[in-house]
N, C-alpha and C. Protein backbone atom coordinates (compact mmCIF):
# COMPACT_ATOMS: atom_id res chain seq x y z
N UNK A 1 -331.11 -25.81 34.12
CA UNK A 1 -329.68 -25.55 34.10
C UNK A 1 -328.98 -26.62 33.26
N UNK A 2 -328.24 -26.22 32.24
CA UNK A 2 -327.57 -27.22 31.41
C UNK A 2 -326.44 -27.92 32.16
N UNK A 3 -326.28 -29.19 31.85
CA UNK A 3 -325.20 -29.99 32.43
C UNK A 3 -324.17 -30.18 31.32
N UNK A 4 -323.14 -29.33 31.30
CA UNK A 4 -322.21 -29.39 30.18
C UNK A 4 -320.76 -29.55 30.60
N UNK A 5 -320.52 -29.84 31.84
CA UNK A 5 -319.16 -29.98 32.33
C UNK A 5 -318.81 -31.45 32.55
N UNK A 6 -317.71 -31.88 31.99
CA UNK A 6 -317.26 -33.25 32.23
C UNK A 6 -316.94 -33.45 33.71
N UNK A 7 -316.40 -32.43 34.34
CA UNK A 7 -316.10 -32.52 35.77
C UNK A 7 -317.39 -32.66 36.58
N UNK A 8 -318.43 -31.95 36.19
CA UNK A 8 -319.72 -32.07 36.87
C UNK A 8 -320.27 -33.49 36.73
N UNK A 9 -320.15 -34.06 35.54
CA UNK A 9 -320.59 -35.43 35.32
C UNK A 9 -319.75 -36.40 36.13
N UNK A 10 -318.43 -36.21 36.13
CA UNK A 10 -317.55 -37.09 36.91
C UNK A 10 -317.96 -37.10 38.37
N UNK A 11 -318.20 -35.92 38.92
CA UNK A 11 -318.58 -35.82 40.33
C UNK A 11 -319.94 -36.45 40.59
N UNK A 12 -320.88 -36.22 39.69
CA UNK A 12 -322.22 -36.82 39.87
C UNK A 12 -322.15 -38.34 39.85
N UNK A 13 -321.36 -38.89 38.92
CA UNK A 13 -321.21 -40.35 38.86
C UNK A 13 -320.49 -40.89 40.09
N UNK A 14 -319.48 -40.18 40.56
CA UNK A 14 -318.77 -40.60 41.78
C UNK A 14 -319.72 -40.59 42.97
N UNK A 15 -320.52 -39.53 43.08
CA UNK A 15 -321.49 -39.44 44.18
C UNK A 15 -322.53 -40.57 44.09
N UNK A 16 -322.98 -40.85 42.86
CA UNK A 16 -323.95 -41.92 42.63
C UNK A 16 -323.38 -43.25 43.12
N UNK A 17 -322.13 -43.54 42.76
CA UNK A 17 -321.50 -44.80 43.17
C UNK A 17 -321.28 -44.84 44.68
N UNK A 18 -320.83 -43.72 45.25
CA UNK A 18 -320.57 -43.67 46.69
C UNK A 18 -321.85 -43.89 47.48
N UNK A 19 -322.93 -43.25 47.09
CA UNK A 19 -324.20 -43.38 47.81
C UNK A 19 -324.70 -44.81 47.83
N UNK A 20 -324.34 -45.59 46.83
CA UNK A 20 -324.79 -46.98 46.72
C UNK A 20 -323.73 -47.99 47.17
N UNK A 21 -322.60 -47.48 47.66
CA UNK A 21 -321.47 -48.32 48.06
C UNK A 21 -321.02 -49.21 46.90
N UNK A 22 -320.91 -48.61 45.72
CA UNK A 22 -320.53 -49.36 44.52
C UNK A 22 -319.07 -49.19 44.14
N UNK A 23 -318.31 -48.34 44.87
CA UNK A 23 -316.90 -48.20 44.51
C UNK A 23 -316.19 -49.55 44.53
N UNK A 24 -316.63 -50.43 45.42
CA UNK A 24 -316.02 -51.76 45.52
C UNK A 24 -316.15 -52.55 44.23
N UNK A 25 -317.17 -52.23 43.44
CA UNK A 25 -317.38 -52.92 42.17
C UNK A 25 -316.79 -52.16 40.99
N UNK A 26 -316.53 -50.88 41.19
CA UNK A 26 -316.04 -50.02 40.11
C UNK A 26 -314.51 -50.07 40.02
N UNK A 27 -314.01 -51.25 39.81
CA UNK A 27 -312.58 -51.42 39.58
C UNK A 27 -312.29 -51.13 38.11
N UNK A 28 -311.05 -50.79 37.78
CA UNK A 28 -310.74 -50.56 36.36
C UNK A 28 -311.14 -51.73 35.46
N UNK A 29 -310.88 -52.93 35.90
CA UNK A 29 -311.25 -54.11 35.10
C UNK A 29 -312.75 -54.18 34.87
N UNK A 30 -313.53 -54.04 35.93
CA UNK A 30 -314.98 -54.14 35.80
C UNK A 30 -315.56 -53.00 34.96
N UNK A 31 -315.04 -51.80 35.15
CA UNK A 31 -315.54 -50.66 34.39
C UNK A 31 -315.18 -50.79 32.91
N UNK A 32 -313.98 -51.29 32.61
CA UNK A 32 -313.59 -51.51 31.21
C UNK A 32 -314.49 -52.55 30.56
N UNK A 33 -314.80 -53.60 31.29
CA UNK A 33 -315.68 -54.63 30.75
C UNK A 33 -317.09 -54.09 30.53
N UNK A 34 -317.58 -53.30 31.47
CA UNK A 34 -318.91 -52.70 31.32
C UNK A 34 -318.94 -51.74 30.13
N UNK A 35 -317.87 -50.99 29.95
CA UNK A 35 -317.76 -50.05 28.84
C UNK A 35 -317.87 -50.78 27.50
N UNK A 36 -317.15 -51.88 27.36
CA UNK A 36 -317.21 -52.65 26.12
C UNK A 36 -318.59 -53.27 25.91
N UNK A 37 -319.20 -53.74 26.98
CA UNK A 37 -320.55 -54.29 26.88
C UNK A 37 -321.54 -53.26 26.38
N UNK A 38 -321.45 -52.05 26.90
CA UNK A 38 -322.35 -50.99 26.46
C UNK A 38 -322.05 -50.57 25.02
N UNK A 39 -320.79 -50.55 24.64
CA UNK A 39 -320.45 -50.23 23.24
C UNK A 39 -321.06 -51.27 22.31
N UNK A 40 -321.06 -52.52 22.72
CA UNK A 40 -321.70 -53.57 21.93
C UNK A 40 -323.19 -53.34 21.77
N UNK A 41 -323.82 -52.77 22.78
CA UNK A 41 -325.25 -52.48 22.69
C UNK A 41 -325.53 -51.39 21.66
N UNK A 42 -324.59 -50.48 21.46
CA UNK A 42 -324.75 -49.46 20.41
C UNK A 42 -324.77 -50.16 19.04
N UNK A 43 -323.85 -51.07 18.85
CA UNK A 43 -323.73 -51.77 17.57
C UNK A 43 -325.02 -52.49 17.22
N UNK A 44 -325.69 -53.06 18.21
CA UNK A 44 -326.93 -53.80 17.95
C UNK A 44 -327.97 -52.94 17.23
N UNK A 45 -327.97 -51.64 17.48
CA UNK A 45 -328.95 -50.76 16.85
C UNK A 45 -328.65 -50.51 15.38
N UNK A 46 -327.42 -50.75 14.95
CA UNK A 46 -327.01 -50.47 13.58
C UNK A 46 -326.71 -51.71 12.76
N UNK A 47 -326.70 -52.87 13.39
CA UNK A 47 -326.18 -54.10 12.80
C UNK A 47 -326.69 -54.40 11.41
N UNK A 48 -327.97 -54.29 11.15
CA UNK A 48 -328.51 -54.71 9.86
C UNK A 48 -329.00 -53.54 9.02
N UNK A 49 -328.61 -52.33 9.39
CA UNK A 49 -329.03 -51.16 8.64
C UNK A 49 -328.08 -50.87 7.48
N UNK A 50 -328.61 -50.25 6.45
CA UNK A 50 -327.75 -49.74 5.38
C UNK A 50 -327.08 -48.46 5.89
N UNK A 51 -326.10 -47.98 5.13
CA UNK A 51 -325.45 -46.71 5.50
C UNK A 51 -326.50 -45.60 5.61
N UNK A 52 -327.38 -45.52 4.61
CA UNK A 52 -328.41 -44.47 4.61
C UNK A 52 -329.34 -44.60 5.81
N UNK A 53 -329.76 -45.82 6.11
CA UNK A 53 -330.66 -46.03 7.25
C UNK A 53 -329.99 -45.63 8.56
N UNK A 54 -328.68 -45.84 8.66
CA UNK A 54 -327.99 -45.51 9.90
C UNK A 54 -327.99 -44.01 10.19
N UNK A 55 -328.17 -43.20 9.16
CA UNK A 55 -328.27 -41.75 9.33
C UNK A 55 -329.69 -41.28 9.60
N UNK A 56 -330.66 -42.12 9.39
CA UNK A 56 -332.07 -41.74 9.48
C UNK A 56 -332.82 -42.63 10.46
N UNK A 57 -332.43 -42.59 11.72
CA UNK A 57 -333.07 -43.41 12.74
C UNK A 57 -334.43 -42.83 13.10
N UNK A 58 -335.34 -43.72 13.45
CA UNK A 58 -336.64 -43.26 13.96
C UNK A 58 -336.39 -42.52 15.28
N UNK A 59 -337.33 -41.68 15.71
CA UNK A 59 -337.14 -41.00 16.99
C UNK A 59 -336.94 -41.98 18.16
N UNK A 60 -337.64 -43.11 18.12
CA UNK A 60 -337.49 -44.11 19.20
C UNK A 60 -336.09 -44.72 19.18
N UNK A 61 -335.62 -45.05 17.99
CA UNK A 61 -334.27 -45.63 17.85
C UNK A 61 -333.22 -44.60 18.23
N UNK A 62 -333.42 -43.37 17.83
CA UNK A 62 -332.48 -42.29 18.17
C UNK A 62 -332.37 -42.15 19.70
N UNK A 63 -333.51 -42.22 20.38
CA UNK A 63 -333.51 -42.12 21.85
C UNK A 63 -332.79 -43.31 22.46
N UNK A 64 -333.05 -44.51 21.96
CA UNK A 64 -332.38 -45.71 22.48
C UNK A 64 -330.87 -45.61 22.29
N UNK A 65 -330.43 -45.16 21.12
CA UNK A 65 -328.99 -45.00 20.86
C UNK A 65 -328.41 -43.94 21.79
N UNK A 66 -329.15 -42.87 22.03
CA UNK A 66 -328.64 -41.83 22.92
C UNK A 66 -328.39 -42.37 24.33
N UNK A 67 -329.26 -43.26 24.80
CA UNK A 67 -329.07 -43.85 26.12
C UNK A 67 -327.87 -44.79 26.14
N UNK A 68 -327.66 -45.53 25.06
CA UNK A 68 -326.48 -46.42 25.01
C UNK A 68 -325.20 -45.59 24.97
N UNK A 69 -325.22 -44.50 24.20
CA UNK A 69 -324.06 -43.61 24.16
C UNK A 69 -323.79 -43.02 25.54
N UNK A 70 -324.86 -42.67 26.24
CA UNK A 70 -324.72 -42.14 27.60
C UNK A 70 -324.10 -43.18 28.53
N UNK A 71 -324.52 -44.44 28.39
CA UNK A 71 -323.93 -45.50 29.21
C UNK A 71 -322.43 -45.62 28.94
N UNK A 72 -322.04 -45.56 27.67
CA UNK A 72 -320.62 -45.64 27.32
C UNK A 72 -319.87 -44.47 27.93
N UNK A 73 -320.42 -43.27 27.78
CA UNK A 73 -319.76 -42.09 28.35
C UNK A 73 -319.64 -42.22 29.86
N UNK A 74 -320.71 -42.64 30.52
CA UNK A 74 -320.68 -42.75 31.98
C UNK A 74 -319.62 -43.75 32.45
N UNK A 75 -319.56 -44.91 31.80
CA UNK A 75 -318.54 -45.88 32.20
C UNK A 75 -317.13 -45.37 31.87
N UNK A 76 -316.98 -44.67 30.76
CA UNK A 76 -315.68 -44.11 30.40
C UNK A 76 -315.22 -43.08 31.44
N UNK A 77 -316.13 -42.22 31.85
CA UNK A 77 -315.81 -41.21 32.86
C UNK A 77 -315.46 -41.87 34.18
N UNK A 78 -316.23 -42.88 34.58
CA UNK A 78 -315.92 -43.59 35.83
C UNK A 78 -314.56 -44.29 35.75
N UNK A 79 -314.27 -44.93 34.63
CA UNK A 79 -312.99 -45.61 34.46
C UNK A 79 -311.85 -44.61 34.56
N UNK A 80 -311.96 -43.50 33.86
CA UNK A 80 -310.92 -42.47 33.93
C UNK A 80 -310.77 -41.96 35.35
N UNK A 81 -311.87 -41.77 36.04
CA UNK A 81 -311.83 -41.28 37.42
C UNK A 81 -311.10 -42.26 38.33
N UNK A 82 -311.40 -43.54 38.21
CA UNK A 82 -310.74 -44.53 39.08
C UNK A 82 -309.25 -44.61 38.79
N UNK A 83 -308.84 -44.28 37.57
CA UNK A 83 -307.41 -44.31 37.20
C UNK A 83 -306.76 -42.93 37.28
N UNK A 84 -307.51 -41.93 37.74
CA UNK A 84 -307.01 -40.56 37.89
C UNK A 84 -306.48 -40.01 36.56
N UNK A 85 -307.25 -40.22 35.51
CA UNK A 85 -306.91 -39.73 34.17
C UNK A 85 -307.82 -38.56 33.84
N UNK A 86 -307.22 -37.46 33.42
CA UNK A 86 -307.97 -36.30 32.96
C UNK A 86 -308.33 -36.56 31.49
N UNK A 87 -309.59 -36.91 31.25
CA UNK A 87 -310.01 -37.29 29.90
C UNK A 87 -309.83 -36.16 28.89
N UNK A 88 -310.12 -34.94 29.28
CA UNK A 88 -309.99 -33.82 28.35
C UNK A 88 -308.52 -33.64 27.97
N UNK A 89 -307.62 -33.67 28.93
CA UNK A 89 -306.19 -33.54 28.64
C UNK A 89 -305.71 -34.71 27.78
N UNK A 90 -306.17 -35.92 28.12
CA UNK A 90 -305.76 -37.10 27.34
C UNK A 90 -306.28 -37.01 25.91
N UNK A 91 -307.52 -36.55 25.73
CA UNK A 91 -308.09 -36.43 24.39
C UNK A 91 -307.32 -35.40 23.56
N UNK A 92 -306.99 -34.26 24.16
CA UNK A 92 -306.21 -33.26 23.43
C UNK A 92 -304.82 -33.79 23.07
N UNK A 93 -304.20 -34.50 23.99
CA UNK A 93 -302.88 -35.08 23.71
C UNK A 93 -302.96 -36.08 22.57
N UNK A 94 -304.01 -36.88 22.55
CA UNK A 94 -304.17 -37.89 21.50
C UNK A 94 -304.44 -37.23 20.14
N UNK A 95 -305.21 -36.15 20.12
CA UNK A 95 -305.42 -35.44 18.86
C UNK A 95 -304.09 -34.90 18.34
N UNK A 96 -303.26 -34.37 19.23
CA UNK A 96 -301.94 -33.87 18.82
C UNK A 96 -301.10 -34.99 18.22
N UNK A 97 -301.12 -36.14 18.86
CA UNK A 97 -300.38 -37.30 18.33
C UNK A 97 -300.92 -37.67 16.95
N UNK A 98 -302.24 -37.73 16.82
CA UNK A 98 -302.84 -38.10 15.53
C UNK A 98 -302.58 -37.07 14.44
N UNK A 99 -302.48 -35.80 14.81
CA UNK A 99 -302.13 -34.78 13.82
C UNK A 99 -300.75 -35.04 13.24
N UNK A 100 -299.85 -35.57 14.06
CA UNK A 100 -298.51 -35.91 13.59
C UNK A 100 -298.53 -37.21 12.79
N UNK A 101 -299.25 -38.20 13.28
CA UNK A 101 -299.30 -39.50 12.60
C UNK A 101 -300.05 -39.44 11.28
N UNK A 102 -301.02 -38.55 11.19
CA UNK A 102 -301.87 -38.45 10.00
C UNK A 102 -301.85 -37.02 9.45
N UNK A 103 -300.72 -36.57 8.91
CA UNK A 103 -300.69 -35.22 8.37
C UNK A 103 -301.63 -35.10 7.17
N UNK A 104 -302.31 -33.98 7.08
CA UNK A 104 -303.33 -33.76 6.06
C UNK A 104 -302.80 -34.05 4.67
N UNK A 105 -301.61 -33.58 4.37
CA UNK A 105 -301.08 -33.73 3.00
C UNK A 105 -300.85 -35.19 2.61
N UNK A 106 -300.76 -36.09 3.59
CA UNK A 106 -300.56 -37.51 3.29
C UNK A 106 -301.84 -38.32 3.30
N UNK A 107 -302.81 -37.91 4.08
CA UNK A 107 -303.94 -38.80 4.34
C UNK A 107 -305.30 -38.27 3.91
N UNK A 108 -305.38 -37.07 3.43
CA UNK A 108 -306.68 -36.48 3.11
C UNK A 108 -307.47 -37.39 2.16
N UNK A 109 -308.66 -37.79 2.60
CA UNK A 109 -309.53 -38.64 1.80
C UNK A 109 -309.15 -40.10 1.78
N UNK A 110 -308.22 -40.51 2.62
CA UNK A 110 -307.72 -41.89 2.64
C UNK A 110 -307.72 -42.38 4.09
N UNK A 111 -308.45 -43.45 4.38
CA UNK A 111 -308.68 -43.86 5.77
C UNK A 111 -307.88 -45.09 6.19
N UNK A 112 -306.66 -45.22 5.68
CA UNK A 112 -305.83 -46.35 6.12
C UNK A 112 -305.26 -46.09 7.52
N UNK A 113 -304.74 -47.15 8.13
CA UNK A 113 -304.04 -47.04 9.41
C UNK A 113 -302.71 -46.34 9.16
N UNK A 114 -302.16 -45.71 10.18
CA UNK A 114 -300.94 -44.92 10.03
C UNK A 114 -299.79 -45.75 9.45
N UNK A 115 -299.66 -47.00 9.87
CA UNK A 115 -298.54 -47.82 9.40
C UNK A 115 -298.74 -48.35 7.97
N UNK A 116 -299.88 -48.08 7.37
CA UNK A 116 -300.14 -48.53 6.00
C UNK A 116 -299.78 -47.48 4.95
N UNK A 117 -299.47 -46.27 5.38
CA UNK A 117 -299.06 -45.23 4.43
C UNK A 117 -297.59 -45.39 4.11
N UNK A 118 -297.20 -45.09 2.86
CA UNK A 118 -295.77 -45.17 2.54
C UNK A 118 -294.99 -44.16 3.36
N UNK A 119 -293.78 -44.55 3.72
CA UNK A 119 -292.91 -43.65 4.49
C UNK A 119 -292.50 -42.48 3.61
N UNK A 120 -292.52 -41.29 4.21
CA UNK A 120 -292.11 -40.10 3.46
C UNK A 120 -290.59 -40.05 3.37
N UNK A 121 -290.12 -39.53 2.28
CA UNK A 121 -288.67 -39.32 2.13
C UNK A 121 -288.26 -38.23 3.10
N UNK A 122 -287.13 -38.45 3.73
CA UNK A 122 -286.62 -37.45 4.69
C UNK A 122 -285.65 -36.55 3.93
N UNK A 123 -285.88 -35.25 4.03
CA UNK A 123 -285.02 -34.27 3.36
C UNK A 123 -283.67 -34.25 4.07
N UNK A 124 -282.55 -34.19 3.27
CA UNK A 124 -281.22 -34.13 3.90
C UNK A 124 -280.96 -32.80 4.57
């Protein structure tokens, strides 16, 4: 049976923490710190690779990266759960904001930060 629901994952992680009496440790601060630590572990796999090498990982490296990505996702889901944040709704809202901040006609093919683009003239 495929596991493809974020809600299913959220509940499984909550049950995992509850069964081990770990909610006491899963504070927003601790989960945020763990999330950043795991993100750093992803970087370690790519640190000295060329751009081309980063796209062509060995099967062993690919598996290791997949586990680090899973750790990041798990901590992110737990953090959102402890703060009562609907990640899917928040992600859709953020995409909507970014669509406004980075309109295609202004930014296509250009990866600057939003505040680095020249201000558009406002039509009277």
